[in-house]
């Protein structure tokens, strides 16, 4: 397995001639642009995986990335890529490439973790970043004032885990459906099609 170089220009320019980023590791403080995300993903795939692997954006709103072993495809949420910083997106890509290298049986176990670290991944097993909550049609509030978002109507009563462990009727979340307008959806997609 080829090692990960901390200077992204070196590996990116080998795979995508003419592509230039800052001299530092992926730009800190700027929102990732999708064409740059695609270039990073394709460069990582070319360096570490065989030609049968591909990259695509998906429409997930709660998970940042996915490694699909059957289709041999790594995907990143287009909504969340528009919200996250470049360094977060780079870590997501490293996470998913590590899954592809480790194989589906490795999960987030020691084999996957070693491969991920060898690639330069420094994050946790799971990404805990913000989801695309502005697109969730169901908004819930607990008595403590915490907001919760769902993309489907909750089918059973839920209590707030932020207020305490376990189910309690004193912490029930009350749900309200909100209208997610076409303009809101376009705005979320517009931020992703720069």
N, C-alpha and C. Protein backbone atom coordinates (compact mmCIF):
# COMPACT_ATOMS: atom_id res chain seq x y z
N UNK A 1 0.84 -1.17 0.00
CA UNK A 1 0.00 0.00 0.00
C UNK A 1 0.89 1.23 0.00
N UNK A 2 0.61 2.18 -0.88
CA UNK A 2 1.39 3.41 -0.94
C UNK A 2 1.08 4.27 0.27
N UNK A 3 2.08 4.97 0.78
CA UNK A 3 1.88 5.80 1.96
C UNK A 3 1.24 7.13 1.61
N UNK A 4 0.59 7.73 2.55
CA UNK A 4 -0.05 9.02 2.38
C UNK A 4 0.97 10.12 2.62
N UNK A 5 1.05 11.07 1.70
CA UNK A 5 1.95 12.21 1.89
C UNK A 5 1.17 13.37 2.46
N UNK A 6 1.70 14.03 3.50
CA UNK A 6 0.97 15.12 4.10
C UNK A 6 0.85 16.33 3.20
N UNK A 7 1.67 16.44 2.15
CA UNK A 7 1.59 17.56 1.22
C UNK A 7 0.69 17.13 0.06
N UNK A 8 -0.59 17.55 0.05
CA UNK A 8 -1.52 17.06 -0.97
C UNK A 8 -1.15 17.47 -2.39
N UNK A 9 -0.45 18.61 -2.58
CA UNK A 9 -0.08 19.02 -3.92
C UNK A 9 0.74 17.94 -4.62
N UNK A 10 1.61 17.27 -3.89
CA UNK A 10 2.49 16.27 -4.48
C UNK A 10 1.68 15.14 -5.12
N UNK A 11 0.77 14.53 -4.37
CA UNK A 11 0.03 13.41 -4.93
C UNK A 11 -1.06 13.85 -5.87
N UNK A 12 -1.67 15.02 -5.63
CA UNK A 12 -2.74 15.48 -6.50
C UNK A 12 -2.20 15.85 -7.87
N UNK A 13 -1.06 16.51 -7.91
CA UNK A 13 -0.52 16.94 -9.20
C UNK A 13 -0.04 15.75 -10.03
N UNK A 14 0.34 14.63 -9.39
CA UNK A 14 0.72 13.44 -10.15
C UNK A 14 -0.46 12.83 -10.85
N UNK A 15 -1.62 12.84 -10.18
CA UNK A 15 -2.80 12.20 -10.75
C UNK A 15 -3.61 13.17 -11.59
N UNK A 16 -3.68 14.44 -11.17
CA UNK A 16 -4.42 15.47 -11.89
C UNK A 16 -3.48 16.62 -12.21
N UNK A 17 -2.71 16.54 -13.30
CA UNK A 17 -1.77 17.61 -13.63
C UNK A 17 -2.50 18.95 -13.73
N UNK A 18 -1.89 19.96 -13.19
CA UNK A 18 -2.47 21.30 -13.22
C UNK A 18 -3.32 21.62 -12.01
N UNK A 19 -3.69 20.62 -11.23
CA UNK A 19 -4.49 20.87 -10.03
C UNK A 19 -3.55 21.35 -8.94
N UNK A 20 -3.83 22.50 -8.39
CA UNK A 20 -2.95 23.07 -7.38
C UNK A 20 -3.79 23.49 -6.19
N UNK A 21 -3.30 23.17 -5.00
CA UNK A 21 -3.93 23.60 -3.77
C UNK A 21 -2.89 24.37 -3.00
N UNK A 22 -3.22 24.80 -1.82
CA UNK A 22 -2.27 25.53 -0.99
C UNK A 22 -1.11 24.62 -0.61
N UNK A 23 -0.03 25.21 -0.15
CA UNK A 23 1.15 24.43 0.22
C UNK A 23 0.91 23.61 1.47
N UNK A 24 -0.04 24.00 2.29
CA UNK A 24 -0.35 23.27 3.52
C UNK A 24 -1.28 22.12 3.21
N UNK A 25 -1.51 21.27 4.22
CA UNK A 25 -2.49 20.21 4.10
C UNK A 25 -3.81 20.86 3.74
N UNK A 26 -4.81 20.14 3.21
CA UNK A 26 -5.99 20.77 2.66
C UNK A 26 -6.42 22.02 3.43
N UNK A 27 -6.77 23.01 2.68
CA UNK A 27 -7.01 24.35 3.19
C UNK A 27 -7.90 24.35 4.42
N UNK A 28 -7.42 24.97 5.48
CA UNK A 28 -8.18 25.06 6.72
C UNK A 28 -8.97 26.35 6.69
N UNK A 29 -10.22 26.29 7.11
CA UNK A 29 -11.04 27.48 7.24
C UNK A 29 -11.92 27.79 6.05
N UNK A 30 -11.85 27.03 4.96
CA UNK A 30 -12.72 27.28 3.81
C UNK A 30 -13.61 26.07 3.59
N UNK A 31 -14.80 26.35 3.12
CA UNK A 31 -15.72 25.26 2.82
C UNK A 31 -15.23 24.55 1.56
N UNK A 32 -15.29 23.23 1.58
CA UNK A 32 -14.80 22.44 0.44
C UNK A 32 -15.66 22.69 -0.79
N UNK A 33 -15.02 22.84 -1.92
CA UNK A 33 -15.73 22.95 -3.19
C UNK A 33 -15.78 21.56 -3.80
N UNK A 34 -16.91 21.24 -4.41
CA UNK A 34 -17.11 19.86 -4.87
C UNK A 34 -16.11 19.42 -5.92
N UNK A 35 -15.68 20.31 -6.79
CA UNK A 35 -14.70 19.87 -7.79
C UNK A 35 -13.37 19.51 -7.13
N UNK A 36 -13.02 20.23 -6.08
CA UNK A 36 -11.79 19.92 -5.36
C UNK A 36 -11.95 18.61 -4.59
N UNK A 37 -13.11 18.39 -4.01
CA UNK A 37 -13.38 17.14 -3.29
C UNK A 37 -13.26 15.96 -4.25
N UNK A 38 -13.84 16.11 -5.44
CA UNK A 38 -13.75 15.04 -6.44
C UNK A 38 -12.29 14.78 -6.82
N UNK A 39 -11.51 15.84 -7.00
CA UNK A 39 -10.09 15.67 -7.36
C UNK A 39 -9.34 14.93 -6.26
N UNK A 40 -9.59 15.29 -5.00
CA UNK A 40 -8.93 14.59 -3.88
C UNK A 40 -9.32 13.12 -3.88
N UNK A 41 -10.63 12.86 -4.02
CA UNK A 41 -11.10 11.48 -3.98
C UNK A 41 -10.50 10.65 -5.10
N UNK A 42 -10.52 11.19 -6.30
CA UNK A 42 -9.98 10.45 -7.43
C UNK A 42 -8.48 10.22 -7.28
N UNK A 43 -7.77 11.19 -6.71
CA UNK A 43 -6.33 11.03 -6.48
C UNK A 43 -6.07 9.94 -5.44
N UNK A 44 -6.82 9.93 -4.36
CA UNK A 44 -6.64 8.90 -3.34
C UNK A 44 -6.97 7.52 -3.88
N UNK A 45 -8.03 7.43 -4.68
CA UNK A 45 -8.41 6.15 -5.28
C UNK A 45 -7.30 5.67 -6.22
N UNK A 46 -6.79 6.58 -7.04
CA UNK A 46 -5.73 6.21 -7.99
C UNK A 46 -4.47 5.75 -7.27
N UNK A 47 -4.15 6.35 -6.15
CA UNK A 47 -2.94 5.99 -5.42
C UNK A 47 -3.06 4.70 -4.63
N UNK A 48 -4.25 4.42 -4.09
CA UNK A 48 -4.37 3.33 -3.13
C UNK A 48 -5.24 2.16 -3.57
N UNK A 49 -6.10 2.36 -4.56
CA UNK A 49 -7.03 1.30 -4.97
C UNK A 49 -6.84 0.98 -6.44
N UNK A 50 -7.46 -0.11 -6.89
CA UNK A 50 -7.34 -0.43 -8.31
C UNK A 50 -8.36 0.36 -9.13
N UNK A 51 -8.26 0.26 -10.44
CA UNK A 51 -9.08 1.07 -11.35
C UNK A 51 -10.57 0.76 -11.29
N UNK A 52 -10.95 -0.33 -10.68
CA UNK A 52 -12.37 -0.67 -10.61
C UNK A 52 -13.13 0.20 -9.60
N UNK A 53 -12.42 0.91 -8.73
CA UNK A 53 -13.06 1.77 -7.74
C UNK A 53 -13.36 3.14 -8.36
N UNK A 54 -14.52 3.70 -7.99
CA UNK A 54 -14.93 5.01 -8.50
C UNK A 54 -15.36 5.89 -7.34
N UNK A 55 -15.59 7.15 -7.65
CA UNK A 55 -16.07 8.13 -6.67
C UNK A 55 -17.33 8.78 -7.19
N UNK A 56 -18.25 9.11 -6.27
CA UNK A 56 -19.46 9.86 -6.63
C UNK A 56 -19.93 10.64 -5.40
N UNK A 57 -20.77 11.63 -5.64
CA UNK A 57 -21.46 12.32 -4.57
C UNK A 57 -22.81 11.67 -4.40
N UNK A 58 -23.32 11.65 -3.16
CA UNK A 58 -24.66 11.13 -2.92
C UNK A 58 -25.48 12.20 -2.21
N UNK A 59 -26.72 11.86 -1.89
CA UNK A 59 -27.63 12.84 -1.29
C UNK A 59 -27.89 12.56 0.19
N UNK A 60 -27.00 11.83 0.84
CA UNK A 60 -27.17 11.54 2.27
C UNK A 60 -27.18 12.85 3.06
N UNK A 61 -27.97 12.86 4.10
CA UNK A 61 -28.07 14.07 4.91
C UNK A 61 -27.58 13.86 6.34
N UNK A 62 -27.31 12.61 6.70
CA UNK A 62 -26.84 12.34 8.06
C UNK A 62 -25.48 11.66 8.11
N UNK A 63 -25.07 10.99 7.05
CA UNK A 63 -23.76 10.36 7.05
C UNK A 63 -22.89 11.11 6.05
N UNK A 64 -21.62 11.24 6.40
CA UNK A 64 -20.72 12.04 5.58
C UNK A 64 -20.20 11.27 4.37
N UNK A 65 -19.85 10.00 4.56
CA UNK A 65 -19.29 9.22 3.46
C UNK A 65 -19.70 7.77 3.55
N UNK A 66 -19.43 7.04 2.46
CA UNK A 66 -19.77 5.62 2.43
C UNK A 66 -18.81 4.89 1.50
N UNK A 67 -18.47 3.67 1.88
CA UNK A 67 -17.68 2.78 1.03
C UNK A 67 -18.61 1.63 0.63
N UNK A 68 -18.98 1.60 -0.64
CA UNK A 68 -19.87 0.55 -1.14
C UNK A 68 -19.00 -0.52 -1.80
N UNK A 69 -18.87 -1.66 -1.12
CA UNK A 69 -18.00 -2.73 -1.61
C UNK A 69 -18.57 -3.40 -2.85
N UNK A 70 -19.89 -3.55 -2.94
CA UNK A 70 -20.50 -4.22 -4.10
C UNK A 70 -20.28 -3.43 -5.38
N UNK A 71 -20.51 -2.11 -5.32
CA UNK A 71 -20.34 -1.27 -6.50
C UNK A 71 -18.91 -0.76 -6.65
N UNK A 72 -18.08 -1.02 -5.63
CA UNK A 72 -16.70 -0.54 -5.61
C UNK A 72 -16.68 0.97 -5.84
N UNK A 73 -17.48 1.66 -4.98
CA UNK A 73 -17.62 3.10 -5.11
C UNK A 73 -17.54 3.75 -3.73
N UNK A 74 -16.80 4.83 -3.67
CA UNK A 74 -16.74 5.66 -2.47
C UNK A 74 -17.59 6.89 -2.74
N UNK A 75 -18.48 7.21 -1.81
CA UNK A 75 -19.33 8.39 -1.98
C UNK A 75 -19.19 9.32 -0.78
N UNK A 76 -19.47 10.58 -1.05
CA UNK A 76 -19.50 11.62 -0.02
C UNK A 76 -20.80 12.39 -0.22
N UNK A 77 -21.44 12.78 0.87
CA UNK A 77 -22.67 13.54 0.80
C UNK A 77 -22.41 14.92 0.20
N UNK A 78 -23.13 15.25 -0.87
CA UNK A 78 -22.96 16.56 -1.49
C UNK A 78 -23.44 17.68 -0.57
N UNK A 79 -24.47 17.41 0.23
CA UNK A 79 -24.97 18.41 1.16
C UNK A 79 -23.95 18.71 2.25
N UNK A 80 -23.39 17.65 2.81
CA UNK A 80 -22.46 17.84 3.91
C UNK A 80 -21.09 18.32 3.43
N UNK A 81 -20.71 17.94 2.21
CA UNK A 81 -19.44 18.44 1.67
C UNK A 81 -19.47 19.96 1.52
N UNK A 82 -20.65 20.50 1.26
CA UNK A 82 -20.77 21.96 1.13
C UNK A 82 -20.70 22.65 2.48
N UNK A 83 -20.97 21.91 3.56
CA UNK A 83 -20.98 22.50 4.90
C UNK A 83 -19.65 22.35 5.63
N UNK A 84 -18.93 21.28 5.35
CA UNK A 84 -17.73 20.96 6.10
C UNK A 84 -16.51 21.69 5.55
N UNK A 85 -15.53 21.86 6.41
CA UNK A 85 -14.26 22.45 6.03
C UNK A 85 -13.46 21.44 5.21
N UNK A 86 -12.50 21.95 4.44
CA UNK A 86 -11.69 21.08 3.59
C UNK A 86 -11.00 19.96 4.36
N UNK A 87 -10.45 20.29 5.53
CA UNK A 87 -9.73 19.25 6.28
C UNK A 87 -10.67 18.16 6.77
N UNK A 88 -11.93 18.51 7.08
CA UNK A 88 -12.91 17.49 7.48
C UNK A 88 -13.22 16.56 6.31
N UNK A 89 -13.40 17.13 5.12
CA UNK A 89 -13.70 16.33 3.94
C UNK A 89 -12.52 15.41 3.62
N UNK A 90 -11.32 15.91 3.74
CA UNK A 90 -10.14 15.08 3.47
C UNK A 90 -10.10 13.90 4.43
N UNK A 91 -10.42 14.12 5.70
CA UNK A 91 -10.45 13.03 6.67
C UNK A 91 -11.54 12.01 6.33
N UNK A 92 -12.68 12.48 5.86
CA UNK A 92 -13.77 11.58 5.46
C UNK A 92 -13.30 10.70 4.30
N UNK A 93 -12.63 11.29 3.33
CA UNK A 93 -12.13 10.51 2.19
C UNK A 93 -11.11 9.47 2.64
N UNK A 94 -10.19 9.85 3.53
CA UNK A 94 -9.21 8.89 4.05
C UNK A 94 -9.92 7.75 4.78
N UNK A 95 -10.94 8.08 5.56
CA UNK A 95 -11.73 7.09 6.30
C UNK A 95 -12.32 6.06 5.33
N UNK A 96 -12.92 6.54 4.25
CA UNK A 96 -13.59 5.62 3.31
C UNK A 96 -12.58 4.81 2.48
N UNK A 97 -11.47 5.42 2.09
CA UNK A 97 -10.43 4.67 1.37
C UNK A 97 -9.87 3.57 2.27
N UNK A 98 -9.73 3.87 3.55
CA UNK A 98 -9.26 2.84 4.50
C UNK A 98 -10.24 1.68 4.56
N UNK A 99 -11.55 1.96 4.50
CA UNK A 99 -12.53 0.87 4.46
C UNK A 99 -12.33 0.01 3.21
N UNK A 100 -12.13 0.67 2.07
CA UNK A 100 -11.94 -0.08 0.83
C UNK A 100 -10.70 -0.97 0.91
N UNK A 101 -9.64 -0.48 1.49
CA UNK A 101 -8.40 -1.25 1.61
C UNK A 101 -8.52 -2.38 2.64
N UNK A 102 -9.21 -2.12 3.73
CA UNK A 102 -9.31 -3.10 4.81
C UNK A 102 -10.29 -4.22 4.49
N UNK A 103 -11.29 -3.95 3.66
CA UNK A 103 -12.30 -4.96 3.35
C UNK A 103 -13.50 -4.85 4.26
N UNK A 104 -14.63 -5.36 3.79
CA UNK A 104 -15.89 -5.18 4.53
C UNK A 104 -15.91 -5.87 5.89
N UNK A 105 -15.17 -6.92 6.06
CA UNK A 105 -15.19 -7.62 7.35
C UNK A 105 -14.42 -6.88 8.44
N UNK A 106 -13.58 -5.94 8.07
CA UNK A 106 -12.76 -5.22 9.04
C UNK A 106 -13.57 -4.23 9.88
N UNK A 107 -14.68 -3.74 9.34
CA UNK A 107 -15.48 -2.76 10.08
C UNK A 107 -14.61 -1.59 10.52
N UNK A 108 -14.77 -1.18 11.78
CA UNK A 108 -13.92 -0.14 12.36
C UNK A 108 -12.94 -0.76 13.36
N UNK A 109 -12.55 -1.99 13.10
CA UNK A 109 -11.66 -2.72 14.00
C UNK A 109 -10.20 -2.33 13.85
N UNK A 110 -9.31 -3.10 14.50
CA UNK A 110 -7.89 -2.78 14.51
C UNK A 110 -7.25 -2.76 13.12
N UNK A 111 -7.65 -3.68 12.24
CA UNK A 111 -7.08 -3.70 10.88
C UNK A 111 -7.42 -2.41 10.15
N UNK A 112 -8.70 -2.01 10.17
CA UNK A 112 -9.11 -0.76 9.53
C UNK A 112 -8.38 0.42 10.15
N UNK A 113 -8.31 0.46 11.47
CA UNK A 113 -7.67 1.58 12.16
C UNK A 113 -6.20 1.71 11.76
N UNK A 114 -5.49 0.61 11.67
CA UNK A 114 -4.07 0.66 11.29
C UNK A 114 -3.91 1.19 9.87
N UNK A 115 -4.74 0.71 8.95
CA UNK A 115 -4.68 1.18 7.57
C UNK A 115 -5.03 2.66 7.51
N UNK A 116 -6.07 3.06 8.23
CA UNK A 116 -6.48 4.47 8.24
C UNK A 116 -5.35 5.36 8.76
N UNK A 117 -4.72 4.95 9.85
CA UNK A 117 -3.60 5.73 10.41
C UNK A 117 -2.43 5.80 9.43
N UNK A 118 -2.15 4.68 8.75
CA UNK A 118 -1.07 4.66 7.75
C UNK A 118 -1.35 5.64 6.60
N UNK A 119 -2.62 5.84 6.28
CA UNK A 119 -2.99 6.78 5.22
C UNK A 119 -2.89 8.23 5.67
N UNK A 120 -2.86 8.45 6.99
CA UNK A 120 -2.81 9.81 7.50
C UNK A 120 -4.09 10.25 8.18
N UNK A 121 -5.01 9.31 8.36
CA UNK A 121 -6.28 9.62 9.02
C UNK A 121 -6.04 9.88 10.50
N UNK A 122 -6.59 10.96 11.02
CA UNK A 122 -6.41 11.26 12.44
C UNK A 122 -7.73 11.47 13.17
N UNK A 123 -8.82 11.10 12.54
CA UNK A 123 -10.14 11.28 13.14
C UNK A 123 -10.57 10.09 13.96
N UNK A 124 -11.82 10.13 14.38
CA UNK A 124 -12.38 9.03 15.15
C UNK A 124 -12.99 8.00 14.19
N UNK A 125 -13.53 6.93 14.76
CA UNK A 125 -14.15 5.89 13.92
C UNK A 125 -15.34 6.44 13.15
N UNK A 126 -16.11 7.31 13.78
CA UNK A 126 -17.32 7.84 13.15
C UNK A 126 -17.27 9.36 13.14
N UNK A 127 -17.82 9.94 12.10
CA UNK A 127 -17.84 11.40 12.01
C UNK A 127 -19.02 11.92 12.80
N UNK A 128 -18.77 12.90 13.65
CA UNK A 128 -19.86 13.42 14.48
C UNK A 128 -20.20 14.86 14.11
N UNK A 129 -19.93 15.22 12.86
CA UNK A 129 -20.21 16.57 12.40
C UNK A 129 -21.70 16.81 12.22
N UNK A 130 -22.00 18.05 11.90
CA UNK A 130 -23.38 18.48 11.72
C UNK A 130 -23.98 17.83 10.49
N UNK A 131 -25.26 17.48 10.57
CA UNK A 131 -25.97 16.96 9.42
C UNK A 131 -26.66 18.09 8.68
N UNK A 132 -27.38 17.77 7.63
CA UNK A 132 -28.10 18.77 6.85
C UNK A 132 -29.48 18.98 7.47
N UNK A 133 -29.51 19.52 8.67
CA UNK A 133 -30.76 19.63 9.43
C UNK A 133 -31.76 20.58 8.78
N UNK A 134 -31.30 21.52 7.96
CA UNK A 134 -32.24 22.45 7.33
C UNK A 134 -33.15 21.75 6.32
N UNK A 135 -32.82 20.52 5.94
CA UNK A 135 -33.65 19.77 5.01
C UNK A 135 -34.55 18.74 5.69
N UNK A 136 -34.46 18.64 7.00
CA UNK A 136 -35.28 17.66 7.73
C UNK A 136 -36.69 18.22 7.93
N UNK A 137 -37.72 17.51 7.47
CA UNK A 137 -39.08 18.03 7.60
C UNK A 137 -39.66 17.90 9.01
N UNK A 138 -39.08 17.07 9.86
CA UNK A 138 -39.61 16.89 11.21
C UNK A 138 -38.66 17.51 12.22
N UNK A 139 -39.19 18.45 13.00
CA UNK A 139 -38.41 19.13 14.03
C UNK A 139 -39.05 18.81 15.37
N UNK A 140 -38.23 18.35 16.31
CA UNK A 140 -38.74 18.02 17.64
C UNK A 140 -38.07 18.86 18.70
N UNK A 141 -38.82 19.11 19.79
CA UNK A 141 -38.25 19.84 20.93
C UNK A 141 -38.64 19.11 22.20
N UNK A 142 -37.66 19.01 23.09
CA UNK A 142 -37.91 18.38 24.39
C UNK A 142 -38.24 19.48 25.39
N UNK A 143 -38.71 19.12 26.59
CA UNK A 143 -38.99 20.13 27.61
C UNK A 143 -37.75 20.96 27.99
N UNK A 144 -36.56 20.39 27.78
CA UNK A 144 -35.32 21.11 28.09
C UNK A 144 -34.90 22.08 26.99
N UNK A 145 -35.64 22.10 25.87
CA UNK A 145 -35.35 23.04 24.79
C UNK A 145 -34.42 22.54 23.71
N UNK A 146 -34.00 21.28 23.79
CA UNK A 146 -33.11 20.74 22.75
C UNK A 146 -33.91 20.49 21.47
N UNK A 147 -33.28 20.80 20.33
CA UNK A 147 -33.90 20.55 19.03
C UNK A 147 -33.40 19.23 18.47
N UNK A 148 -34.32 18.51 17.83
CA UNK A 148 -34.01 17.23 17.19
C UNK A 148 -34.60 17.25 15.79
N UNK A 149 -33.91 16.59 14.84
CA UNK A 149 -34.35 16.61 13.45
C UNK A 149 -34.48 15.19 12.93
N UNK A 150 -35.53 14.96 12.15
CA UNK A 150 -35.75 13.66 11.52
C UNK A 150 -36.20 13.87 10.09
N UNK A 151 -35.85 12.91 9.26
CA UNK A 151 -36.22 12.97 7.86
C UNK A 151 -37.48 12.16 7.59
N UNK A 152 -37.88 11.34 8.56
CA UNK A 152 -39.15 10.60 8.52
C UNK A 152 -39.90 10.86 9.81
N UNK A 153 -41.19 10.75 9.75
CA UNK A 153 -42.01 10.95 10.93
C UNK A 153 -41.69 9.88 11.97
N UNK A 154 -41.38 10.27 13.19
CA UNK A 154 -41.10 9.27 14.24
C UNK A 154 -42.34 8.40 14.47
N UNK A 155 -42.14 7.09 14.50
CA UNK A 155 -43.28 6.16 14.63
C UNK A 155 -43.59 5.80 16.07
N UNK A 156 -42.72 6.17 16.99
CA UNK A 156 -42.93 5.86 18.41
C UNK A 156 -42.48 7.06 19.23
N UNK A 157 -43.00 7.18 20.45
CA UNK A 157 -42.55 8.30 21.30
C UNK A 157 -41.05 8.21 21.58
N UNK A 158 -40.39 9.35 21.54
CA UNK A 158 -38.96 9.43 21.82
C UNK A 158 -38.72 10.43 22.94
N UNK A 159 -37.74 10.12 23.78
CA UNK A 159 -37.36 11.08 24.82
C UNK A 159 -35.95 11.57 24.54
N UNK A 160 -35.64 12.74 25.05
CA UNK A 160 -34.37 13.40 24.77
C UNK A 160 -33.21 12.72 25.48
N UNK A 161 -32.22 12.27 24.70
CA UNK A 161 -31.03 11.65 25.27
C UNK A 161 -30.06 12.70 25.79
N UNK A 162 -30.22 13.93 25.36
CA UNK A 162 -29.35 15.00 25.85
C UNK A 162 -29.71 15.40 27.28
N UNK A 163 -30.97 15.17 27.64
CA UNK A 163 -31.44 15.51 29.00
C UNK A 163 -31.20 14.39 30.00
N UNK A 164 -31.02 13.17 29.53
CA UNK A 164 -30.80 12.05 30.44
C UNK A 164 -30.81 10.73 29.71
N UNK A 165 -30.26 9.71 30.36
CA UNK A 165 -30.18 8.37 29.76
C UNK A 165 -31.50 7.64 29.88
N UNK A 166 -31.74 6.77 28.93
CA UNK A 166 -32.95 5.93 28.97
C UNK A 166 -34.19 6.71 28.59
N UNK A 167 -35.28 5.98 28.42
CA UNK A 167 -36.56 6.59 28.06
C UNK A 167 -37.24 7.14 29.30
N UNK A 168 -37.78 8.34 29.18
CA UNK A 168 -38.55 8.93 30.27
C UNK A 168 -39.65 9.80 29.68
N UNK A 169 -40.87 9.61 30.17
CA UNK A 169 -41.98 10.42 29.69
C UNK A 169 -41.82 11.89 30.07
N UNK A 170 -40.99 12.18 31.06
CA UNK A 170 -40.76 13.58 31.44
C UNK A 170 -39.88 14.31 30.43
N UNK A 171 -39.24 13.56 29.55
CA UNK A 171 -38.36 14.16 28.55
C UNK A 171 -38.85 13.89 27.12
N UNK A 172 -40.17 13.70 26.96
CA UNK A 172 -40.73 13.39 25.64
C UNK A 172 -40.47 14.53 24.66
N UNK A 173 -40.18 14.15 23.44
CA UNK A 173 -39.96 15.11 22.37
C UNK A 173 -41.28 15.31 21.64
N UNK A 174 -41.68 16.56 21.48
CA UNK A 174 -42.88 16.85 20.70
C UNK A 174 -42.45 17.23 19.28
N UNK A 175 -43.08 16.59 18.30
CA UNK A 175 -42.69 16.73 16.90
C UNK A 175 -43.65 17.61 16.14
N UNK A 176 -43.07 18.36 15.21
CA UNK A 176 -43.86 19.25 14.36
C UNK A 176 -43.31 19.14 12.95
N UNK A 177 -44.21 19.03 11.99
CA UNK A 177 -43.76 18.97 10.59
C UNK A 177 -43.60 20.39 10.07
N UNK A 178 -42.46 20.63 9.42
CA UNK A 178 -42.25 21.93 8.81
C UNK A 178 -42.15 21.76 7.30
N UNK A 179 -42.47 22.79 6.61
CA UNK A 179 -42.40 22.75 5.16
C UNK A 179 -40.96 23.02 4.72
N UNK A 180 -40.40 22.08 4.00
CA UNK A 180 -39.07 22.29 3.40
C UNK A 180 -39.34 22.70 1.96
N UNK A 181 -39.16 23.96 1.70
CA UNK A 181 -39.52 24.52 0.41
C UNK A 181 -38.55 24.10 -0.68
N UNK A 182 -39.02 24.23 -1.90
CA UNK A 182 -38.16 23.96 -3.05
C UNK A 182 -36.96 24.91 -3.04
N UNK A 183 -37.19 26.13 -2.58
CA UNK A 183 -36.09 27.11 -2.50
C UNK A 183 -35.01 26.64 -1.52
N UNK A 184 -35.44 26.06 -0.38
CA UNK A 184 -34.47 25.56 0.60
C UNK A 184 -33.67 24.40 0.01
N UNK A 185 -34.36 23.52 -0.71
CA UNK A 185 -33.66 22.40 -1.35
C UNK A 185 -32.69 22.89 -2.42
N UNK A 186 -33.13 23.86 -3.20
CA UNK A 186 -32.26 24.43 -4.23
C UNK A 186 -31.06 25.14 -3.61
N UNK A 187 -31.30 25.84 -2.50
CA UNK A 187 -30.20 26.53 -1.82
C UNK A 187 -29.17 25.52 -1.33
N UNK A 188 -29.64 24.40 -0.78
CA UNK A 188 -28.72 23.36 -0.30
C UNK A 188 -27.95 22.75 -1.47
N UNK A 189 -28.64 22.53 -2.58
CA UNK A 189 -27.98 21.98 -3.76
C UNK A 189 -27.10 23.03 -4.43
N UNK A 190 -27.57 24.28 -4.41
CA UNK A 190 -26.79 25.36 -5.02
C UNK A 190 -25.45 25.53 -4.35
N UNK A 191 -25.42 25.33 -3.03
CA UNK A 191 -24.16 25.44 -2.31
C UNK A 191 -23.22 24.31 -2.70
N UNK A 192 -23.78 23.26 -3.29
CA UNK A 192 -22.96 22.10 -3.65
C UNK A 192 -22.56 22.08 -5.11
N UNK A 193 -23.08 23.02 -5.91
CA UNK A 193 -22.76 22.97 -7.34
C UNK A 193 -21.96 24.19 -7.78
N UNK A 194 -20.98 24.55 -6.97
CA UNK A 194 -20.14 25.70 -7.30
C UNK A 194 -19.28 25.39 -8.48
